Amino acid sequence: MPDSKKYLHPEVVARIDRLVLRARHIVEGFLSGIHRSPHFGQSVEFLQHREYVPGDDLRHVDWKVWAKQDRFYVKQFEEDTNLRTTLLVDVSGSMQYGEGPLTKYDYGCTVAASLAYMLLRQQDAVGCVSFDEHVRSKVPTRSKRNHLGAIVKALEVENPRDKTDLYKILRQVAEEYPRRGMMVVISDLLADREGIIRGLKLLRKRGHDVMVFHVMDDDELDFPFNGATRFEGLEDTQVINCNPRSLRDGYLNALQDFLSEMRRGCTSNMCDYDLIRTSQPLSAVLAAFLSNRLAMHHRK
């Protein structure tokens, strides 16, 4: 049995436990009693009448209307269903980088485990896909409390090593998860930029609500290196020896172009985007991000 507390920091749980993760778009999975589904079913919320046609369930006939108008009408309702969330967690080699207490991989796993914990507490259904170039593990969508152990186990990759092929993964997920729900992408997004945007666009086209947690280390964002430095690739064997001060301006300009492109790509496809540093307190990151989504829901 995996230790589910490995990625569940008490201070994080305390902060996020009161927050409700709400989808912005009409999807099949909704928080019971709060969100609505576009599919009709049996629930407490009446939507409209329509004329009876042969084959309709007689239990839905409104007999009061029949008594008044001598015509058969059936009631239609909006189905209340639970939110269905799939956590897509990057476990490729580049996620292994980190100079602080948590690598990007550890930080991303903490985000995923915290969201899973919160959603399961709400009796919502959660699944998980860990990936690099290929799907490394897949956990089906379930709502039982003890499901957290299976999710944490899927996150425990002994040695992240391969590159990331996000388009391939997102396309596969779009094909294998036809029921619309929420997709949470947790990655450093160090992959083909065009492929990332195409993959996110495909998920949105299939009706999923998409959140992107862009996890980066402080070193990657600030490039604080001085003096002769040896840079070694985490996803290949390339080694570069150089004076980083001569590269700093060019690197930071290229970084800003990359971050701007990712943000624009997410915004243009109506995906929520949040750039997070591994040095940031996770509780504050999640609280701010989820509170923002809650505020956006109320403004609709």
Protein backbone atom coordinates (compact mmCIF):
# COMPACT_ATOMS: atom_id res chain seq x y z
CA MET A 1 0.00 0.00 0.00
CA PRO A 2 1.58 3.32 -1.02
CA ASP A 3 1.96 6.02 1.57
CA SER A 4 -0.71 8.52 0.57
CA LYS A 5 0.76 11.08 2.98
CA LYS A 6 3.92 11.29 0.88
CA TYR A 7 2.38 13.96 -1.32
CA LEU A 8 -0.29 15.26 1.08
CA HIS A 9 1.14 18.03 3.23
CA PRO A 10 -1.17 18.80 6.19
CA GLU A 11 -1.01 22.56 5.62
CA VAL A 12 -2.06 22.06 2.01
CA VAL A 13 -4.99 19.83 2.94
CA ALA A 14 -6.16 22.36 5.53
CA ARG A 15 -6.19 25.20 3.01
CA ILE A 16 -7.83 23.45 0.10
CA ASP A 17 -10.34 21.35 2.04
CA ARG A 18 -12.82 24.24 2.18
CA LEU A 19 -12.56 25.11 -1.46
CA VAL A 20 -14.85 23.70 -4.10
CA LEU A 21 -13.43 22.91 -7.47
CA ARG A 22 -16.00 23.94 -10.03
CA ALA A 23 -15.98 23.42 -13.72
CA ARG A 24 -16.68 26.52 -15.84
CA HIS A 25 -18.20 24.76 -18.79
CA ILE A 26 -21.23 22.52 -19.03
CA VAL A 27 -19.83 19.01 -18.87
CA GLU A 28 -21.24 15.63 -18.05
CA GLY A 29 -19.57 15.58 -14.67
CA PHE A 30 -20.86 18.12 -12.19
CA LEU A 31 -20.83 18.51 -8.46
CA SER A 32 -24.04 16.88 -7.29
CA GLY A 33 -26.70 19.48 -6.60
CA ILE A 34 -24.56 22.39 -7.84
CA HIS A 35 -23.73 21.88 -11.49
CA ARG A 36 -25.94 20.77 -14.35
CA SER A 37 -25.42 18.34 -17.18
CA PRO A 38 -26.66 18.84 -20.73
CA HIS A 39 -28.19 15.34 -20.61
CA PHE A 40 -31.69 14.69 -19.34
CA GLY A 41 -32.26 12.28 -16.50
CA GLN A 42 -33.98 11.92 -13.17
CA SER A 43 -33.14 14.60 -10.64
CA VAL A 44 -34.73 17.15 -8.38
CA GLU A 45 -34.51 20.03 -10.87
CA PHE A 46 -37.37 20.35 -13.34
CA LEU A 47 -36.50 21.77 -16.75
CA GLN A 48 -39.55 21.73 -19.07
CA HIS A 49 -42.52 19.79 -20.50
CA ARG A 50 -42.76 18.17 -23.88
CA GLU A 51 -45.52 16.19 -25.55
CA TYR A 52 -45.68 12.47 -24.88
CA VAL A 53 -44.56 10.15 -27.66
CA PRO A 54 -45.04 6.37 -27.72
CA GLY A 55 -42.23 4.67 -25.81
CA ASP A 56 -41.79 7.40 -23.18
CA ASP A 57 -41.60 6.24 -19.58
CA LEU A 58 -45.09 6.64 -18.06
CA ARG A 59 -43.49 7.57 -14.75
CA HIS A 60 -42.56 10.92 -16.30
CA VAL A 61 -46.08 11.78 -17.43
CA ASP A 62 -47.40 14.89 -15.70
CA TRP A 63 -50.90 13.74 -14.71
CA LYS A 64 -51.86 17.17 -13.39
CA VAL A 65 -51.38 18.65 -16.86
CA TRP A 66 -53.36 15.76 -18.35
CA ALA A 67 -56.22 16.44 -15.93
CA LYS A 68 -56.36 20.08 -17.01
CA GLN A 69 -55.71 19.79 -20.74
CA ASP A 70 -56.63 16.18 -21.53
CA ARG A 71 -53.27 15.80 -23.26
CA PHE A 72 -50.20 13.84 -22.26
CA TYR A 73 -47.01 15.68 -21.44
CA VAL A 74 -43.84 14.34 -19.86
CA LYS A 75 -41.49 16.15 -17.53
CA GLN A 76 -37.88 16.68 -18.48
CA PHE A 77 -35.21 17.17 -15.87
CA GLU A 78 -31.59 18.19 -15.84
CA GLU A 79 -29.36 15.43 -14.58
CA ASP A 80 -27.22 16.12 -11.52
CA THR A 81 -23.98 14.19 -11.74
CA ASN A 82 -20.64 14.27 -9.99
CA LEU A 83 -17.58 15.99 -11.35
CA ARG A 84 -15.31 13.62 -13.28
CA THR A 85 -11.69 14.72 -13.20
CA THR A 86 -8.64 13.16 -14.84
CA LEU A 87 -5.21 14.21 -13.59
CA LEU A 88 -2.60 14.16 -16.38
CA VAL A 89 0.81 14.19 -14.70
CA ASP A 90 4.11 14.59 -16.56
CA VAL A 91 6.73 12.16 -15.22
CA SER A 92 9.34 12.72 -17.96
CA GLY A 93 13.04 13.26 -17.30
CA SER A 94 12.90 17.08 -17.30
CA MET A 95 10.50 16.98 -14.35
CA GLN A 96 13.32 15.49 -12.26
CA TYR A 97 15.07 18.87 -12.04
CA GLY A 98 15.00 20.81 -8.79
CA GLU A 99 17.40 22.62 -6.48
CA GLY A 100 14.87 23.21 -3.71
CA PRO A 101 13.19 20.76 -1.33
CA LEU A 102 10.95 19.48 -4.14
CA THR A 103 11.81 18.63 -7.72
CA LYS A 104 9.28 19.59 -10.37
CA TYR A 105 8.20 15.95 -10.35
CA ASP A 106 7.63 15.93 -6.58
CA TYR A 107 5.81 19.26 -6.74
CA GLY A 108 3.58 18.12 -9.59
CA CYS A 109 2.74 14.92 -7.73
CA THR A 110 1.84 16.99 -4.66
CA VAL A 111 -0.54 19.10 -6.76
CA ALA A 112 -2.15 15.97 -8.20
CA ALA A 113 -2.49 14.19 -4.85
CA SER A 114 -3.94 17.28 -3.17
CA LEU A 115 -6.55 17.74 -5.88
CA ALA A 116 -7.42 14.04 -5.76
CA TYR A 117 -7.81 14.19 -1.99
CA MET A 118 -10.10 17.21 -2.17
CA LEU A 119 -12.25 15.82 -4.95
CA LEU A 120 -12.65 12.44 -3.27
CA ARG A 121 -13.68 14.23 -0.09
CA GLN A 122 -16.44 15.82 -2.16
CA GLN A 123 -17.44 12.36 -3.44
CA ASP A 124 -16.42 13.33 -6.94
CA ALA A 125 -14.77 10.89 -9.32
CA VAL A 126 -11.04 11.15 -10.01
CA GLY A 127 -8.69 9.27 -12.32
CA CYS A 128 -5.02 9.69 -13.16
CA VAL A 129 -2.71 9.28 -16.15
CA SER A 130 1.06 9.59 -15.71
CA PHE A 131 3.05 9.99 -18.90
CA ASP A 132 6.29 10.81 -20.67
CA GLU A 133 6.49 9.84 -24.35
CA HIS A 134 3.99 7.12 -23.53
CA VAL A 135 1.35 6.53 -20.88
CA ARG A 136 3.26 5.13 -17.92
CA SER A 137 0.25 4.30 -15.76
CA LYS A 138 -3.49 4.82 -15.84
CA VAL A 139 -5.96 4.81 -12.96
CA PRO A 140 -9.68 4.62 -13.81
CA THR A 141 -12.07 7.29 -12.63
CA ARG A 142 -13.56 6.38 -9.24
CA SER A 143 -15.17 8.24 -6.36
CA LYS A 144 -14.41 5.96 -3.40
CA ARG A 145 -12.27 7.44 -0.64
CA ASN A 146 -9.78 4.57 -0.73
CA HIS A 147 -9.12 5.36 -4.40
CA LEU A 148 -6.45 7.86 -3.31
CA GLY A 149 -3.98 5.04 -2.73
CA ALA A 150 -4.23 3.88 -6.35
CA ILE A 151 -3.67 7.43 -7.61
CA VAL A 152 -0.60 7.96 -5.43
CA LYS A 153 0.79 4.63 -6.59
CA ALA A 154 0.42 5.75 -10.21
CA LEU A 155 2.41 8.88 -9.40
CA GLU A 156 5.33 6.95 -7.92
CA VAL A 157 7.73 6.61 -10.82
CA GLU A 158 11.09 5.23 -9.74
CA ASN A 159 13.18 7.05 -12.34
CA PRO A 160 11.60 9.65 -14.64
CA ARG A 161 13.74 9.47 -17.76
CA ASP A 162 12.10 9.86 -21.17
CA LYS A 163 11.07 12.94 -23.12
CA THR A 164 7.56 14.36 -23.24
CA ASP A 165 5.21 13.95 -26.19
CA LEU A 166 2.24 15.97 -25.02
CA TYR A 167 0.34 16.02 -28.27
CA LYS A 168 0.46 12.23 -28.53
CA ILE A 169 -0.72 11.87 -24.92
CA LEU A 170 -3.50 14.48 -25.13
CA ARG A 171 -4.76 13.00 -28.39
CA GLN A 172 -4.82 9.53 -26.81
CA VAL A 173 -6.66 10.86 -23.76
CA ALA A 174 -9.20 12.64 -25.97
CA GLU A 175 -9.90 9.37 -27.77
CA GLU A 176 -10.05 7.19 -24.66
CA TYR A 177 -12.15 9.54 -22.50
CA PRO A 178 -15.26 10.31 -24.59
CA ARG A 179 -17.29 11.43 -21.57
CA ARG A 180 -16.78 15.11 -21.06
CA GLY A 181 -15.20 16.13 -17.77
CA MET A 182 -12.31 18.07 -16.34
CA MET A 183 -8.74 17.45 -17.49
CA VAL A 184 -5.94 18.77 -15.26
CA VAL A 185 -2.56 18.90 -17.01
CA ILE A 186 0.44 19.09 -14.65
CA SER A 187 3.69 19.54 -16.56
CA ASP A 188 6.70 21.76 -17.24
CA LEU A 189 5.45 21.86 -20.87
CA LEU A 190 8.96 21.30 -22.20
CA ALA A 191 7.79 19.73 -25.42
CA ASP A 192 6.81 20.77 -28.92
CA ARG A 193 4.85 24.00 -28.45
CA GLU A 194 2.61 23.60 -31.45
CA GLY A 195 1.79 20.05 -30.40
CA ILE A 196 0.85 21.18 -26.89
CA ILE A 197 -1.62 23.77 -28.18
CA ARG A 198 -3.08 21.32 -30.70
CA GLY A 199 -3.57 18.77 -27.94
CA LEU A 200 -5.27 21.24 -25.61
CA LYS A 201 -7.48 22.45 -28.46
CA LEU A 202 -8.50 18.85 -29.14
CA LEU A 203 -9.50 18.31 -25.50
CA ARG A 204 -11.60 21.48 -25.56
CA LYS A 205 -13.17 20.46 -28.88
CA ARG A 206 -14.26 17.23 -27.21
CA GLY A 207 -16.01 19.30 -24.54
CA HIS A 208 -13.57 18.88 -21.65
CA ASP A 209 -12.87 21.65 -19.18
CA VAL A 210 -9.07 22.01 -19.08
CA MET A 211 -6.74 23.31 -16.38
CA VAL A 212 -2.98 23.62 -16.94
CA PHE A 213 -0.53 23.79 -14.04
CA HIS A 214 2.77 24.88 -15.60
CA VAL A 215 5.41 23.75 -13.08
CA MET A 216 8.84 25.40 -13.29
CA ASP A 217 11.86 25.56 -10.99
CA ASP A 218 13.25 28.92 -9.83
CA ASP A 219 16.51 28.22 -11.66
CA GLU A 220 14.62 27.83 -14.93
CA LEU A 221 12.72 31.06 -14.43
CA ASP A 222 15.54 33.24 -13.03
CA PHE A 223 18.72 31.67 -14.49
CA PRO A 224 20.85 32.66 -11.46
CA PHE A 225 24.01 30.85 -12.56
CA ASN A 226 27.41 32.57 -12.43
CA GLY A 227 30.88 31.40 -13.29
CA ALA A 228 31.83 28.40 -15.35
CA THR A 229 28.89 25.96 -15.30
CA ARG A 230 28.28 22.49 -16.67
CA PHE A 231 24.73 21.87 -17.92
CA GLU A 232 23.66 18.26 -18.39
CA GLY A 233 20.50 17.19 -20.23
CA LEU A 234 17.92 15.21 -18.26
CA GLU A 235 16.22 13.79 -21.35
CA ASP A 236 19.33 13.23 -23.45
CA THR A 237 23.12 12.91 -23.01
CA GLN A 238 23.98 16.42 -24.16
CA VAL A 239 26.47 18.34 -22.01
CA ILE A 240 27.29 22.05 -22.31
CA ASN A 241 30.18 23.81 -20.54
CA CYS A 242 29.87 27.57 -20.68
CA ASN A 243 29.90 30.92 -18.92
CA PRO A 244 26.17 31.37 -18.17
CA ARG A 245 26.43 35.15 -17.83
CA SER A 246 26.95 35.41 -21.58
CA LEU A 247 23.77 33.40 -22.17
CA ARG A 248 21.51 34.94 -19.54
CA ASP A 249 19.83 37.70 -21.58
CA GLY A 250 19.18 35.46 -24.56
CA TYR A 251 17.89 32.68 -22.35
CA LEU A 252 15.49 34.94 -20.42
CA ASN A 253 14.15 36.46 -23.66
CA ALA A 254 13.53 33.01 -25.10
CA LEU A 255 11.91 31.95 -21.82
CA GLN A 256 9.48 34.88 -21.92
CA ASP A 257 8.55 34.03 -25.49
CA PHE A 258 7.88 30.44 -24.40
CA LEU A 259 5.76 31.43 -21.37
CA SER A 260 3.79 34.00 -23.39
CA GLU A 261 3.08 31.46 -26.11
CA MET A 262 1.84 28.89 -23.58
CA ARG A 263 -0.38 31.43 -21.85
CA ARG A 264 -1.82 32.72 -25.13
CA GLY A 265 -2.40 29.20 -26.40
CA CYS A 266 -4.31 28.26 -23.27
CA THR A 267 -6.32 31.49 -23.20
CA SER A 268 -7.29 31.26 -26.88
CA ASN A 269 -8.61 27.73 -26.28
CA MET A 270 -10.41 28.64 -23.04
CA CYS A 271 -8.07 26.58 -20.87
CA ASP A 272 -7.16 27.85 -17.42
CA TYR A 273 -3.40 28.42 -17.12
CA ASP A 274 -1.30 28.92 -14.00
CA LEU A 275 2.50 29.25 -13.95
CA ILE A 276 3.81 28.03 -10.61
CA ARG A 277 7.27 27.98 -9.07
CA THR A 278 8.35 24.97 -7.05
CA SER A 279 9.43 27.42 -4.31
CA GLN A 280 5.89 28.73 -3.89
CA PRO A 281 3.87 27.36 -0.96
CA LEU A 282 1.53 24.89 -2.59
CA SER A 283 -1.32 25.82 -0.29
CA ALA A 284 -1.23 29.42 -1.49
CA VAL A 285 -0.99 28.39 -5.15
CA LEU A 286 -4.00 26.07 -4.96
CA ALA A 287 -6.05 28.42 -2.81
CA ALA A 288 -5.51 31.35 -5.18
CA PHE A 289 -6.15 29.32 -8.31
CA LEU A 290 -9.28 27.54 -7.07
CA SER A 291 -10.66 30.72 -5.54
CA ASN A 292 -10.23 32.42 -8.90
CA ARG A 293 -12.19 29.67 -10.62
CA LEU A 294 -14.91 29.96 -7.99
CA ALA A 295 -15.12 33.72 -8.60
CA MET A 296 -15.34 33.17 -12.36
CA HIS A 297 -18.17 30.68 -11.80
CA HIS A 298 -20.16 33.23 -9.79
CA ARG A 299 -19.65 35.93 -12.42
CA LYS A 300 -21.28 33.76 -15.10
